Amino acid sequence: GPEPRVTAYPAGGAPRDLAVTRTAS
């Protein structure tokens, strides 16, 4: 993708962009 982006896909629902926190792992 052109830039980092994280999206959740609920079953039967609309996709949702997620807030992301980088961790050591």
PDBML (XML) file of the C-alpha atoms, coordinates in Angstrom:
<?xml version="1.0" encoding="UTF-8" ?>
<PDBx:datablock datablockName="MODEL"
   xmlns:PDBx="http://pdbml.pdb.org/schema/pdbx-v50.xsd"
   xmlns:xsi="http://www.w3.org/2001/XMLSchema-instance"
   xsi:schemaLocation="http://pdbml.pdb.org/schema/pdbx-v50.xsd pdbx-v50.xsd">
   <PDBx:atom_siteCategory>
      <PDBx:atom_site id="1">
         <PDBx:B_iso_or_equiv>0.00</PDBx:B_iso_or_equiv>
         <PDBx:Cartn_x>0.000</PDBx:Cartn_x>
         <PDBx:Cartn_y>0.000</PDBx:Cartn_y>
         <PDBx:Cartn_z>0.000</PDBx:Cartn_z>
         <PDBx:auth_asym_id>A</PDBx:auth_asym_id>
         <PDBx:auth_atom_id>CA</PDBx:auth_atom_id>
         <PDBx:auth_comp_id>GLY</PDBx:auth_comp_id>
         <PDBx:auth_seq_id>1</PDBx:auth_seq_id>
         <PDBx:group_PDB>ATOM</PDBx:group_PDB>
         <PDBx:label_alt_id xsi:nil="true" />
         <PDBx:label_asym_id>A</PDBx:label_asym_id>
         <PDBx:label_atom_id>CA</PDBx:label_atom_id>
         <PDBx:label_comp_id>GLY</PDBx:label_comp_id>
         <PDBx:label_entity_id>1</PDBx:label_entity_id>
         <PDBx:label_seq_id>1</PDBx:label_seq_id>
         <PDBx:occupancy>1.00</PDBx:occupancy>
         <PDBx:pdbx_PDB_model_num>1</PDBx:pdbx_PDB_model_num>
         <PDBx:type_symbol>C</PDBx:type_symbol>
      </PDBx:atom_site>
      <PDBx:atom_site id="2">
         <PDBx:B_iso_or_equiv>0.00</PDBx:B_iso_or_equiv>
         <PDBx:Cartn_x>1.093</PDBx:Cartn_x>
         <PDBx:Cartn_y>3.623</PDBx:Cartn_y>
         <PDBx:Cartn_z>-0.433</PDBx:Cartn_z>
         <PDBx:auth_asym_id>A</PDBx:auth_asym_id>
         <PDBx:auth_atom_id>CA</PDBx:auth_atom_id>
         <PDBx:auth_comp_id>PRO</PDBx:auth_comp_id>
         <PDBx:auth_seq_id>2</PDBx:auth_seq_id>
         <PDBx:group_PDB>ATOM</PDBx:group_PDB>
         <PDBx:label_alt_id xsi:nil="true" />
         <PDBx:label_asym_id>A</PDBx:label_asym_id>
         <PDBx:label_atom_id>CA</PDBx:label_atom_id>
         <PDBx:label_comp_id>PRO</PDBx:label_comp_id>
         <PDBx:label_entity_id>1</PDBx:label_entity_id>
         <PDBx:label_seq_id>2</PDBx:label_seq_id>
         <PDBx:occupancy>1.00</PDBx:occupancy>
         <PDBx:pdbx_PDB_model_num>1</PDBx:pdbx_PDB_model_num>
         <PDBx:type_symbol>C</PDBx:type_symbol>
      </PDBx:atom_site>
      <PDBx:atom_site id="3">
         <PDBx:B_iso_or_equiv>0.00</PDBx:B_iso_or_equiv>
         <PDBx:Cartn_x>1.238</PDBx:Cartn_x>
         <PDBx:Cartn_y>4.221</PDBx:Cartn_y>
         <PDBx:Cartn_z>3.327</PDBx:Cartn_z>
         <PDBx:auth_asym_id>A</PDBx:auth_asym_id>
         <PDBx:auth_atom_id>CA</PDBx:auth_atom_id>
         <PDBx:auth_comp_id>GLU</PDBx:auth_comp_id>
         <PDBx:auth_seq_id>3</PDBx:auth_seq_id>
         <PDBx:group_PDB>ATOM</PDBx:group_PDB>
         <PDBx:label_alt_id xsi:nil="true" />
         <PDBx:label_asym_id>A</PDBx:label_asym_id>
         <PDBx:label_atom_id>CA</PDBx:label_atom_id>
         <PDBx:label_comp_id>GLU</PDBx:label_comp_id>
         <PDBx:label_entity_id>1</PDBx:label_entity_id>
         <PDBx:label_seq_id>3</PDBx:label_seq_id>
         <PDBx:occupancy>1.00</PDBx:occupancy>
         <PDBx:pdbx_PDB_model_num>1</PDBx:pdbx_PDB_model_num>
         <PDBx:type_symbol>C</PDBx:type_symbol>
      </PDBx:atom_site>
      <PDBx:atom_site id="4">
         <PDBx:B_iso_or_equiv>0.00</PDBx:B_iso_or_equiv>
         <PDBx:Cartn_x>0.797</PDBx:Cartn_x>
         <PDBx:Cartn_y>2.204</PDBx:Cartn_y>
         <PDBx:Cartn_z>6.533</PDBx:Cartn_z>
         <PDBx:auth_asym_id>A</PDBx:auth_asym_id>
         <PDBx:auth_atom_id>CA</PDBx:auth_atom_id>
         <PDBx:auth_comp_id>PRO</PDBx:auth_comp_id>
         <PDBx:auth_seq_id>4</PDBx:auth_seq_id>
         <PDBx:group_PDB>ATOM</PDBx:group_PDB>
         <PDBx:label_alt_id xsi:nil="true" />
         <PDBx:label_asym_id>A</PDBx:label_asym_id>
         <PDBx:label_atom_id>CA</PDBx:label_atom_id>
         <PDBx:label_comp_id>PRO</PDBx:label_comp_id>
         <PDBx:label_entity_id>1</PDBx:label_entity_id>
         <PDBx:label_seq_id>4</PDBx:label_seq_id>
         <PDBx:occupancy>1.00</PDBx:occupancy>
         <PDBx:pdbx_PDB_model_num>1</PDBx:pdbx_PDB_model_num>
         <PDBx:type_symbol>C</PDBx:type_symbol>
      </PDBx:atom_site>
      <PDBx:atom_site id="5">
         <PDBx:B_iso_or_equiv>0.00</PDBx:B_iso_or_equiv>
         <PDBx:Cartn_x>-2.866</PDBx:Cartn_x>
         <PDBx:Cartn_y>1.498</PDBx:Cartn_y>
         <PDBx:Cartn_z>7.244</PDBx:Cartn_z>
         <PDBx:auth_asym_id>A</PDBx:auth_asym_id>
         <PDBx:auth_atom_id>CA</PDBx:auth_atom_id>
         <PDBx:auth_comp_id>ARG</PDBx:auth_comp_id>
         <PDBx:auth_seq_id>5</PDBx:auth_seq_id>
         <PDBx:group_PDB>ATOM</PDBx:group_PDB>
         <PDBx:label_alt_id xsi:nil="true" />
         <PDBx:label_asym_id>A</PDBx:label_asym_id>
         <PDBx:label_atom_id>CA</PDBx:label_atom_id>
         <PDBx:label_comp_id>ARG</PDBx:label_comp_id>
         <PDBx:label_entity_id>1</PDBx:label_entity_id>
         <PDBx:label_seq_id>5</PDBx:label_seq_id>
         <PDBx:occupancy>1.00</PDBx:occupancy>
         <PDBx:pdbx_PDB_model_num>1</PDBx:pdbx_PDB_model_num>
         <PDBx:type_symbol>C</PDBx:type_symbol>
      </PDBx:atom_site>
      <PDBx:atom_site id="6">
         <PDBx:B_iso_or_equiv>0.00</PDBx:B_iso_or_equiv>
         <PDBx:Cartn_x>-4.671</PDBx:Cartn_x>
         <PDBx:Cartn_y>-1.102</PDBx:Cartn_y>
         <PDBx:Cartn_z>9.357</PDBx:Cartn_z>
         <PDBx:auth_asym_id>A</PDBx:auth_asym_id>
         <PDBx:auth_atom_id>CA</PDBx:auth_atom_id>
         <PDBx:auth_comp_id>VAL</PDBx:auth_comp_id>
         <PDBx:auth_seq_id>6</PDBx:auth_seq_id>
         <PDBx:group_PDB>ATOM</PDBx:group_PDB>
         <PDBx:label_alt_id xsi:nil="true" />
         <PDBx:label_asym_id>A</PDBx:label_asym_id>
         <PDBx:label_atom_id>CA</PDBx:label_atom_id>
         <PDBx:label_comp_id>VAL</PDBx:label_comp_id>
         <PDBx:label_entity_id>1</PDBx:label_entity_id>
         <PDBx:label_seq_id>6</PDBx:label_seq_id>
         <PDBx:occupancy>1.00</PDBx:occupancy>
         <PDBx:pdbx_PDB_model_num>1</PDBx:pdbx_PDB_model_num>
         <PDBx:type_symbol>C</PDBx:type_symbol>
      </PDBx:atom_site>
      <PDBx:atom_site id="7">
         <PDBx:B_iso_or_equiv>0.00</PDBx:B_iso_or_equiv>
         <PDBx:Cartn_x>-8.311</PDBx:Cartn_x>
         <PDBx:Cartn_y>-2.055</PDBx:Cartn_y>
         <PDBx:Cartn_z>8.755</PDBx:Cartn_z>
         <PDBx:auth_asym_id>A</PDBx:auth_asym_id>
         <PDBx:auth_atom_id>CA</PDBx:auth_atom_id>
         <PDBx:auth_comp_id>THR</PDBx:auth_comp_id>
         <PDBx:auth_seq_id>7</PDBx:auth_seq_id>
         <PDBx:group_PDB>ATOM</PDBx:group_PDB>
         <PDBx:label_alt_id xsi:nil="true" />
         <PDBx:label_asym_id>A</PDBx:label_asym_id>
         <PDBx:label_atom_id>CA</PDBx:label_atom_id>
         <PDBx:label_comp_id>THR</PDBx:label_comp_id>
         <PDBx:label_entity_id>1</PDBx:label_entity_id>
         <PDBx:label_seq_id>7</PDBx:label_seq_id>
         <PDBx:occupancy>1.00</PDBx:occupancy>
         <PDBx:pdbx_PDB_model_num>1</PDBx:pdbx_PDB_model_num>
         <PDBx:type_symbol>C</PDBx:type_symbol>
      </PDBx:atom_site>
      <PDBx:atom_site id="8">
         <PDBx:B_iso_or_equiv>0.00</PDBx:B_iso_or_equiv>
         <PDBx:Cartn_x>-10.576</PDBx:Cartn_x>
         <PDBx:Cartn_y>-4.463</PDBx:Cartn_y>
         <PDBx:Cartn_z>10.628</PDBx:Cartn_z>
         <PDBx:auth_asym_id>A</PDBx:auth_asym_id>
         <PDBx:auth_atom_id>CA</PDBx:auth_atom_id>
         <PDBx:auth_comp_id>ALA</PDBx:auth_comp_id>
         <PDBx:auth_seq_id>8</PDBx:auth_seq_id>
         <PDBx:group_PDB>ATOM</PDBx:group_PDB>
         <PDBx:label_alt_id xsi:nil="true" />
         <PDBx:label_asym_id>A</PDBx:label_asym_id>
         <PDBx:label_atom_id>CA</PDBx:label_atom_id>
         <PDBx:label_comp_id>ALA</PDBx:label_comp_id>
         <PDBx:label_entity_id>1</PDBx:label_entity_id>
         <PDBx:label_seq_id>8</PDBx:label_seq_id>
         <PDBx:occupancy>1.00</PDBx:occupancy>
         <PDBx:pdbx_PDB_model_num>1</PDBx:pdbx_PDB_model_num>
         <PDBx:type_symbol>C</PDBx:type_symbol>
      </PDBx:atom_site>
      <PDBx:atom_site id="9">
         <PDBx:B_iso_or_equiv>0.00</PDBx:B_iso_or_equiv>
         <PDBx:Cartn_x>-13.208</PDBx:Cartn_x>
         <PDBx:Cartn_y>-6.474</PDBx:Cartn_y>
         <PDBx:Cartn_z>8.764</PDBx:Cartn_z>
         <PDBx:auth_asym_id>A</PDBx:auth_asym_id>
         <PDBx:auth_atom_id>CA</PDBx:auth_atom_id>
         <PDBx:auth_comp_id>TYR</PDBx:auth_comp_id>
         <PDBx:auth_seq_id>9</PDBx:auth_seq_id>
         <PDBx:group_PDB>ATOM</PDBx:group_PDB>
         <PDBx:label_alt_id xsi:nil="true" />
         <PDBx:label_asym_id>A</PDBx:label_asym_id>
         <PDBx:label_atom_id>CA</PDBx:label_atom_id>
         <PDBx:label_comp_id>TYR</PDBx:label_comp_id>
         <PDBx:label_entity_id>1</PDBx:label_entity_id>
         <PDBx:label_seq_id>9</PDBx:label_seq_id>
         <PDBx:occupancy>1.00</PDBx:occupancy>
         <PDBx:pdbx_PDB_model_num>1</PDBx:pdbx_PDB_model_num>
         <PDBx:type_symbol>C</PDBx:type_symbol>
      </PDBx:atom_site>
      <PDBx:atom_site id="10">
         <PDBx:B_iso_or_equiv>0.00</PDBx:B_iso_or_equiv>
         <PDBx:Cartn_x>-16.087</PDBx:Cartn_x>
         <PDBx:Cartn_y>-7.449</PDBx:Cartn_y>
         <PDBx:Cartn_z>11.083</PDBx:Cartn_z>
         <PDBx:auth_asym_id>A</PDBx:auth_asym_id>
         <PDBx:auth_atom_id>CA</PDBx:auth_atom_id>
         <PDBx:auth_comp_id>PRO</PDBx:auth_comp_id>
         <PDBx:auth_seq_id>10</PDBx:auth_seq_id>
         <PDBx:group_PDB>ATOM</PDBx:group_PDB>
         <PDBx:label_alt_id xsi:nil="true" />
         <PDBx:label_asym_id>A</PDBx:label_asym_id>
         <PDBx:label_atom_id>CA</PDBx:label_atom_id>
         <PDBx:label_comp_id>PRO</PDBx:label_comp_id>
         <PDBx:label_entity_id>1</PDBx:label_entity_id>
         <PDBx:label_seq_id>10</PDBx:label_seq_id>
         <PDBx:occupancy>1.00</PDBx:occupancy>
         <PDBx:pdbx_PDB_model_num>1</PDBx:pdbx_PDB_model_num>
         <PDBx:type_symbol>C</PDBx:type_symbol>
      </PDBx:atom_site>
      <PDBx:atom_site id="11">
         <PDBx:B_iso_or_equiv>0.00</PDBx:B_iso_or_equiv>
         <PDBx:Cartn_x>-18.224</PDBx:Cartn_x>
         <PDBx:Cartn_y>-10.343</PDBx:Cartn_y>
         <PDBx:Cartn_z>9.911</PDBx:Cartn_z>
         <PDBx:auth_asym_id>A</PDBx:auth_asym_id>
         <PDBx:auth_atom_id>CA</PDBx:auth_atom_id>
         <PDBx:auth_comp_id>ALA</PDBx:auth_comp_id>
         <PDBx:auth_seq_id>11</PDBx:auth_seq_id>
         <PDBx:group_PDB>ATOM</PDBx:group_PDB>
         <PDBx:label_alt_id xsi:nil="true" />
         <PDBx:label_asym_id>A</PDBx:label_asym_id>
         <PDBx:label_atom_id>CA</PDBx:label_atom_id>
         <PDBx:label_comp_id>ALA</PDBx:label_comp_id>
         <PDBx:label_entity_id>1</PDBx:label_entity_id>
         <PDBx:label_seq_id>11</PDBx:label_seq_id>
         <PDBx:occupancy>1.00</PDBx:occupancy>
         <PDBx:pdbx_PDB_model_num>1</PDBx:pdbx_PDB_model_num>
         <PDBx:type_symbol>C</PDBx:type_symbol>
      </PDBx:atom_site>
      <PDBx:atom_site id="12">
         <PDBx:B_iso_or_equiv>0.00</PDBx:B_iso_or_equiv>
         <PDBx:Cartn_x>-21.207</PDBx:Cartn_x>
         <PDBx:Cartn_y>-8.829</PDBx:Cartn_y>
         <PDBx:Cartn_z>8.126</PDBx:Cartn_z>
         <PDBx:auth_asym_id>A</PDBx:auth_asym_id>
         <PDBx:auth_atom_id>CA</PDBx:auth_atom_id>
         <PDBx:auth_comp_id>GLY</PDBx:auth_comp_id>
         <PDBx:auth_seq_id>12</PDBx:auth_seq_id>
         <PDBx:group_PDB>ATOM</PDBx:group_PDB>
         <PDBx:label_alt_id xsi:nil="true" />
         <PDBx:label_asym_id>A</PDBx:label_asym_id>
         <PDBx:label_atom_id>CA</PDBx:label_atom_id>
         <PDBx:label_comp_id>GLY</PDBx:label_comp_id>
         <PDBx:label_entity_id>1</PDBx:label_entity_id>
         <PDBx:label_seq_id>12</PDBx:label_seq_id>
         <PDBx:occupancy>1.00</PDBx:occupancy>
         <PDBx:pdbx_PDB_model_num>1</PDBx:pdbx_PDB_model_num>
         <PDBx:type_symbol>C</PDBx:type_symbol>
      </PDBx:atom_site>
      <PDBx:atom_site id="13">
         <PDBx:B_iso_or_equiv>0.00</PDBx:B_iso_or_equiv>
         <PDBx:Cartn_x>-20.222</PDBx:Cartn_x>
         <PDBx:Cartn_y>-5.267</PDBx:Cartn_y>
         <PDBx:Cartn_z>9.001</PDBx:Cartn_z>
         <PDBx:auth_asym_id>A</PDBx:auth_asym_id>
         <PDBx:auth_atom_id>CA</PDBx:auth_atom_id>
         <PDBx:auth_comp_id>GLY</PDBx:auth_comp_id>
         <PDBx:auth_seq_id>13</PDBx:auth_seq_id>
         <PDBx:group_PDB>ATOM</PDBx:group_PDB>
         <PDBx:label_alt_id xsi:nil="true" />
         <PDBx:label_asym_id>A</PDBx:label_asym_id>
         <PDBx:label_atom_id>CA</PDBx:label_atom_id>
         <PDBx:label_comp_id>GLY</PDBx:label_comp_id>
         <PDBx:label_entity_id>1</PDBx:label_entity_id>
         <PDBx:label_seq_id>13</PDBx:label_seq_id>
         <PDBx:occupancy>1.00</PDBx:occupancy>
         <PDBx:pdbx_PDB_model_num>1</PDBx:pdbx_PDB_model_num>
         <PDBx:type_symbol>C</PDBx:type_symbol>
      </PDBx:atom_site>
      <PDBx:atom_site id="14">
         <PDBx:B_iso_or_equiv>0.00</PDBx:B_iso_or_equiv>
         <PDBx:Cartn_x>-18.438</PDBx:Cartn_x>
         <PDBx:Cartn_y>-2.308</PDBx:Cartn_y>
         <PDBx:Cartn_z>7.454</PDBx:Cartn_z>
         <PDBx:auth_asym_id>A</PDBx:auth_asym_id>
         <PDBx:auth_atom_id>CA</PDBx:auth_atom_id>
         <PDBx:auth_comp_id>ALA</PDBx:auth_comp_id>
         <PDBx:auth_seq_id>14</PDBx:auth_seq_id>
         <PDBx:group_PDB>ATOM</PDBx:group_PDB>
         <PDBx:label_alt_id xsi:nil="true" />
         <PDBx:label_asym_id>A</PDBx:label_asym_id>
         <PDBx:label_atom_id>CA</PDBx:label_atom_id>
         <PDBx:label_comp_id>ALA</PDBx:label_comp_id>
         <PDBx:label_entity_id>1</PDBx:label_entity_id>
         <PDBx:label_seq_id>14</PDBx:label_seq_id>
         <PDBx:occupancy>1.00</PDBx:occupancy>
         <PDBx:pdbx_PDB_model_num>1</PDBx:pdbx_PDB_model_num>
         <PDBx:type_symbol>C</PDBx:type_symbol>
      </PDBx:atom_site>
      <PDBx:atom_site id="15">
         <PDBx:B_iso_or_equiv>0.00</PDBx:B_iso_or_equiv>
         <PDBx:Cartn_x>-14.625</PDBx:Cartn_x>
         <PDBx:Cartn_y>-2.140</PDBx:Cartn_y>
         <PDBx:Cartn_z>7.524</PDBx:Cartn_z>
         <PDBx:auth_asym_id>A</PDBx:auth_asym_id>
         <PDBx:auth_atom_id>CA</PDBx:auth_atom_id>
         <PDBx:auth_comp_id>PRO</PDBx:auth_comp_id>
         <PDBx:auth_seq_id>15</PDBx:auth_seq_id>
         <PDBx:group_PDB>ATOM</PDBx:group_PDB>
         <PDBx:label_alt_id xsi:nil="true" />
         <PDBx:label_asym_id>A</PDBx:label_asym_id>
         <PDBx:label_atom_id>CA</PDBx:label_atom_id>
         <PDBx:label_comp_id>PRO</PDBx:label_comp_id>
         <PDBx:label_entity_id>1</PDBx:label_entity_id>
         <PDBx:label_seq_id>15</PDBx:label_seq_id>
         <PDBx:occupancy>1.00</PDBx:occupancy>
         <PDBx:pdbx_PDB_model_num>1</PDBx:pdbx_PDB_model_num>
         <PDBx:type_symbol>C</PDBx:type_symbol>
      </PDBx:atom_site>
      <PDBx:atom_site id="16">
         <PDBx:B_iso_or_equiv>0.00</PDBx:B_iso_or_equiv>
         <PDBx:Cartn_x>-13.100</PDBx:Cartn_x>
         <PDBx:Cartn_y>0.033</PDBx:Cartn_y>
         <PDBx:Cartn_z>10.246</PDBx:Cartn_z>
         <PDBx:auth_asym_id>A</PDBx:auth_asym_id>
         <PDBx:auth_atom_id>CA</PDBx:auth_atom_id>
         <PDBx:auth_comp_id>ARG</PDBx:auth_comp_id>
         <PDBx:auth_seq_id>16</PDBx:auth_seq_id>
         <PDBx:group_PDB>ATOM</PDBx:group_PDB>
         <PDBx:label_alt_id xsi:nil="true" />
         <PDBx:label_asym_id>A</PDBx:label_asym_id>
         <PDBx:label_atom_id>CA</PDBx:label_atom_id>
         <PDBx:label_comp_id>ARG</PDBx:label_comp_id>
         <PDBx:label_entity_id>1</PDBx:label_entity_id>
         <PDBx:label_seq_id>16</PDBx:label_seq_id>
         <PDBx:occupancy>1.00</PDBx:occupancy>
         <PDBx:pdbx_PDB_model_num>1</PDBx:pdbx_PDB_model_num>
         <PDBx:type_symbol>C</PDBx:type_symbol>
      </PDBx:atom_site>
      <PDBx:atom_site id="17">
         <PDBx:B_iso_or_equiv>0.00</PDBx:B_iso_or_equiv>
         <PDBx:Cartn_x>-9.717</PDBx:Cartn_x>
         <PDBx:Cartn_y>1.745</PDBx:Cartn_y>
         <PDBx:Cartn_z>10.230</PDBx:Cartn_z>
         <PDBx:auth_asym_id>A</PDBx:auth_asym_id>
         <PDBx:auth_atom_id>CA</PDBx:auth_atom_id>
         <PDBx:auth_comp_id>ASP</PDBx:auth_comp_id>
         <PDBx:auth_seq_id>17</PDBx:auth_seq_id>
         <PDBx:group_PDB>ATOM</PDBx:group_PDB>
         <PDBx:label_alt_id xsi:nil="true" />
         <PDBx:label_asym_id>A</PDBx:label_asym_id>
         <PDBx:label_atom_id>CA</PDBx:label_atom_id>
         <PDBx:label_comp_id>ASP</PDBx:label_comp_id>
         <PDBx:label_entity_id>1</PDBx:label_entity_id>
         <PDBx:label_seq_id>17</PDBx:label_seq_id>
         <PDBx:occupancy>1.00</PDBx:occupancy>
         <PDBx:pdbx_PDB_model_num>1</PDBx:pdbx_PDB_model_num>
         <PDBx:type_symbol>C</PDBx:type_symbol>
      </PDBx:atom_site>
      <PDBx:atom_site id="18">
         <PDBx:B_iso_or_equiv>0.00</PDBx:B_iso_or_equiv>
         <PDBx:Cartn_x>-7.844</PDBx:Cartn_x>
         <PDBx:Cartn_y>1.061</PDBx:Cartn_y>
         <PDBx:Cartn_z>13.463</PDBx:Cartn_z>
         <PDBx:auth_asym_id>A</PDBx:auth_asym_id>
         <PDBx:auth_atom_id>CA</PDBx:auth_atom_id>
         <PDBx:auth_comp_id>LEU</PDBx:auth_comp_id>
         <PDBx:auth_seq_id>18</PDBx:auth_seq_id>
         <PDBx:group_PDB>ATOM</PDBx:group_PDB>
         <PDBx:label_alt_id xsi:nil="true" />
         <PDBx:label_asym_id>A</PDBx:label_asym_id>
         <PDBx:label_atom_id>CA</PDBx:label_atom_id>
         <PDBx:label_comp_id>LEU</PDBx:label_comp_id>
         <PDBx:label_entity_id>1</PDBx:label_entity_id>
         <PDBx:label_seq_id>18</PDBx:label_seq_id>
         <PDBx:occupancy>1.00</PDBx:occupancy>
         <PDBx:pdbx_PDB_model_num>1</PDBx:pdbx_PDB_model_num>
         <PDBx:type_symbol>C</PDBx:type_symbol>
      </PDBx:atom_site>
      <PDBx:atom_site id="19">
         <PDBx:B_iso_or_equiv>0.00</PDBx:B_iso_or_equiv>
         <PDBx:Cartn_x>-5.596</PDBx:Cartn_x>
         <PDBx:Cartn_y>3.104</PDBx:Cartn_y>
         <PDBx:Cartn_z>15.713</PDBx:Cartn_z>
         <PDBx:auth_asym_id>A</PDBx:auth_asym_id>
         <PDBx:auth_atom_id>CA</PDBx:auth_atom_id>
         <PDBx:auth_comp_id>ALA</PDBx:auth_comp_id>
         <PDBx:auth_seq_id>19</PDBx:auth_seq_id>
         <PDBx:group_PDB>ATOM</PDBx:group_PDB>
         <PDBx:label_alt_id xsi:nil="true" />
         <PDBx:label_asym_id>A</PDBx:label_asym_id>
         <PDBx:label_atom_id>CA</PDBx:label_atom_id>
         <PDBx:label_comp_id>ALA</PDBx:label_comp_id>
         <PDBx:label_entity_id>1</PDBx:label_entity_id>
         <PDBx:label_seq_id>19</PDBx:label_seq_id>
         <PDBx:occupancy>1.00</PDBx:occupancy>
         <PDBx:pdbx_PDB_model_num>1</PDBx:pdbx_PDB_model_num>
         <PDBx:type_symbol>C</PDBx:type_symbol>
      </PDBx:atom_site>
      <PDBx:atom_site id="20">
         <PDBx:B_iso_or_equiv>0.00</PDBx:B_iso_or_equiv>
         <PDBx:Cartn_x>-2.153</PDBx:Cartn_x>
         <PDBx:Cartn_y>1.488</PDBx:Cartn_y>
         <PDBx:Cartn_z>15.802</PDBx:Cartn_z>
         <PDBx:auth_asym_id>A</PDBx:auth_asym_id>
         <PDBx:auth_atom_id>CA</PDBx:auth_atom_id>
         <PDBx:auth_comp_id>VAL</PDBx:auth_comp_id>
         <PDBx:auth_seq_id>20</PDBx:auth_seq_id>
         <PDBx:group_PDB>ATOM</PDBx:group_PDB>
         <PDBx:label_alt_id xsi:nil="true" />
         <PDBx:label_asym_id>A</PDBx:label_asym_id>
         <PDBx:label_atom_id>CA</PDBx:label_atom_id>
         <PDBx:label_comp_id>VAL</PDBx:label_comp_id>
         <PDBx:label_entity_id>1</PDBx:label_entity_id>
         <PDBx:label_seq_id>20</PDBx:label_seq_id>
         <PDBx:occupancy>1.00</PDBx:occupancy>
         <PDBx:pdbx_PDB_model_num>1</PDBx:pdbx_PDB_model_num>
         <PDBx:type_symbol>C</PDBx:type_symbol>
      </PDBx:atom_site>
      <PDBx:atom_site id="21">
         <PDBx:B_iso_or_equiv>0.00</PDBx:B_iso_or_equiv>
         <PDBx:Cartn_x>0.505</PDBx:Cartn_x>
         <PDBx:Cartn_y>1.457</PDBx:Cartn_y>
         <PDBx:Cartn_z>18.504</PDBx:Cartn_z>
         <PDBx:auth_asym_id>A</PDBx:auth_asym_id>
         <PDBx:auth_atom_id>CA</PDBx:auth_atom_id>
         <PDBx:auth_comp_id>THR</PDBx:auth_comp_id>
         <PDBx:auth_seq_id>21</PDBx:auth_seq_id>
         <PDBx:group_PDB>ATOM</PDBx:group_PDB>
         <PDBx:label_alt_id xsi:nil="true" />
         <PDBx:label_asym_id>A</PDBx:label_asym_id>
         <PDBx:label_atom_id>CA</PDBx:label_atom_id>
         <PDBx:label_comp_id>THR</PDBx:label_comp_id>
         <PDBx:label_entity_id>1</PDBx:label_entity_id>
         <PDBx:label_seq_id>21</PDBx:label_seq_id>
         <PDBx:occupancy>1.00</PDBx:occupancy>
         <PDBx:pdbx_PDB_model_num>1</PDBx:pdbx_PDB_model_num>
         <PDBx:type_symbol>C</PDBx:type_symbol>
      </PDBx:atom_site>
      <PDBx:atom_site id="22">
         <PDBx:B_iso_or_equiv>0.00</PDBx:B_iso_or_equiv>
         <PDBx:Cartn_x>3.963</PDBx:Cartn_x>
         <PDBx:Cartn_y>0.139</PDBx:Cartn_y>
         <PDBx:Cartn_z>17.649</PDBx:Cartn_z>
         <PDBx:auth_asym_id>A</PDBx:auth_asym_id>
         <PDBx:auth_atom_id>CA</PDBx:auth_atom_id>
         <PDBx:auth_comp_id>ARG</PDBx:auth_comp_id>
         <PDBx:auth_seq_id>22</PDBx:auth_seq_id>
         <PDBx:group_PDB>ATOM</PDBx:group_PDB>
         <PDBx:label_alt_id xsi:nil="true" />
         <PDBx:label_asym_id>A</PDBx:label_asym_id>
         <PDBx:label_atom_id>CA</PDBx:label_atom_id>
         <PDBx:label_comp_id>ARG</PDBx:label_comp_id>
         <PDBx:label_entity_id>1</PDBx:label_entity_id>
         <PDBx:label_seq_id>22</PDBx:label_seq_id>
         <PDBx:occupancy>1.00</PDBx:occupancy>
         <PDBx:pdbx_PDB_model_num>1</PDBx:pdbx_PDB_model_num>
         <PDBx:type_symbol>C</PDBx:type_symbol>
      </PDBx:atom_site>
      <PDBx:atom_site id="23">
         <PDBx:B_iso_or_equiv>0.00</PDBx:B_iso_or_equiv>
         <PDBx:Cartn_x>5.315</PDBx:Cartn_x>
         <PDBx:Cartn_y>-2.277</PDBx:Cartn_y>
         <PDBx:Cartn_z>20.260</PDBx:Cartn_z>
         <PDBx:auth_asym_id>A</PDBx:auth_asym_id>
         <PDBx:auth_atom_id>CA</PDBx:auth_atom_id>
         <PDBx:auth_comp_id>THR</PDBx:auth_comp_id>
         <PDBx:auth_seq_id>23</PDBx:auth_seq_id>
         <PDBx:group_PDB>ATOM</PDBx:group_PDB>
         <PDBx:label_alt_id xsi:nil="true" />
         <PDBx:label_asym_id>A</PDBx:label_asym_id>
         <PDBx:label_atom_id>CA</PDBx:label_atom_id>
         <PDBx:label_comp_id>THR</PDBx:label_comp_id>
         <PDBx:label_entity_id>1</PDBx:label_entity_id>
         <PDBx:label_seq_id>23</PDBx:label_seq_id>
         <PDBx:occupancy>1.00</PDBx:occupancy>
         <PDBx:pdbx_PDB_model_num>1</PDBx:pdbx_PDB_model_num>
         <PDBx:type_symbol>C</PDBx:type_symbol>
      </PDBx:atom_site>
      <PDBx:atom_site id="24">
         <PDBx:B_iso_or_equiv>0.00</PDBx:B_iso_or_equiv>
         <PDBx:Cartn_x>8.641</PDBx:Cartn_x>
         <PDBx:Cartn_y>-4.028</PDBx:Cartn_y>
         <PDBx:Cartn_z>20.692</PDBx:Cartn_z>
         <PDBx:auth_asym_id>A</PDBx:auth_asym_id>
         <PDBx:auth_atom_id>CA</PDBx:auth_atom_id>
         <PDBx:auth_comp_id>ALA</PDBx:auth_comp_id>
         <PDBx:auth_seq_id>24</PDBx:auth_seq_id>
         <PDBx:group_PDB>ATOM</PDBx:group_PDB>
         <PDBx:label_alt_id xsi:nil="true" />
         <PDBx:label_asym_id>A</PDBx:label_asym_id>
         <PDBx:label_atom_id>CA</PDBx:label_atom_id>
         <PDBx:label_comp_id>ALA</PDBx:label_comp_id>
         <PDBx:label_entity_id>1</PDBx:label_entity_id>
         <PDBx:label_seq_id>24</PDBx:label_seq_id>
         <PDBx:occupancy>1.00</PDBx:occupancy>
         <PDBx:pdbx_PDB_model_num>1</PDBx:pdbx_PDB_model_num>
         <PDBx:type_symbol>C</PDBx:type_symbol>
      </PDBx:atom_site>
      <PDBx:atom_site id="25">
         <PDBx:B_iso_or_equiv>0.00</PDBx:B_iso_or_equiv>
         <PDBx:Cartn_x>7.159</PDBx:Cartn_x>
         <PDBx:Cartn_y>-7.197</PDBx:Cartn_y>
         <PDBx:Cartn_z>19.177</PDBx:Cartn_z>
         <PDBx:auth_asym_id>A</PDBx:auth_asym_id>
         <PDBx:auth_atom_id>CA</PDBx:auth_atom_id>
         <PDBx:auth_comp_id>SER</PDBx:auth_comp_id>
         <PDBx:auth_seq_id>25</PDBx:auth_seq_id>
         <PDBx:group_PDB>ATOM</PDBx:group_PDB>
         <PDBx:label_alt_id xsi:nil="true" />
         <PDBx:label_asym_id>A</PDBx:label_asym_id>
         <PDBx:label_atom_id>CA</PDBx:label_atom_id>
         <PDBx:label_comp_id>SER</PDBx:label_comp_id>
         <PDBx:label_entity_id>1</PDBx:label_entity_id>
         <PDBx:label_seq_id>25</PDBx:label_seq_id>
         <PDBx:occupancy>1.00</PDBx:occupancy>
         <PDBx:pdbx_PDB_model_num>1</PDBx:pdbx_PDB_model_num>
         <PDBx:type_symbol>C</PDBx:type_symbol>
      </PDBx:atom_site>
   </PDBx:atom_siteCategory>
</PDBx:datablock>
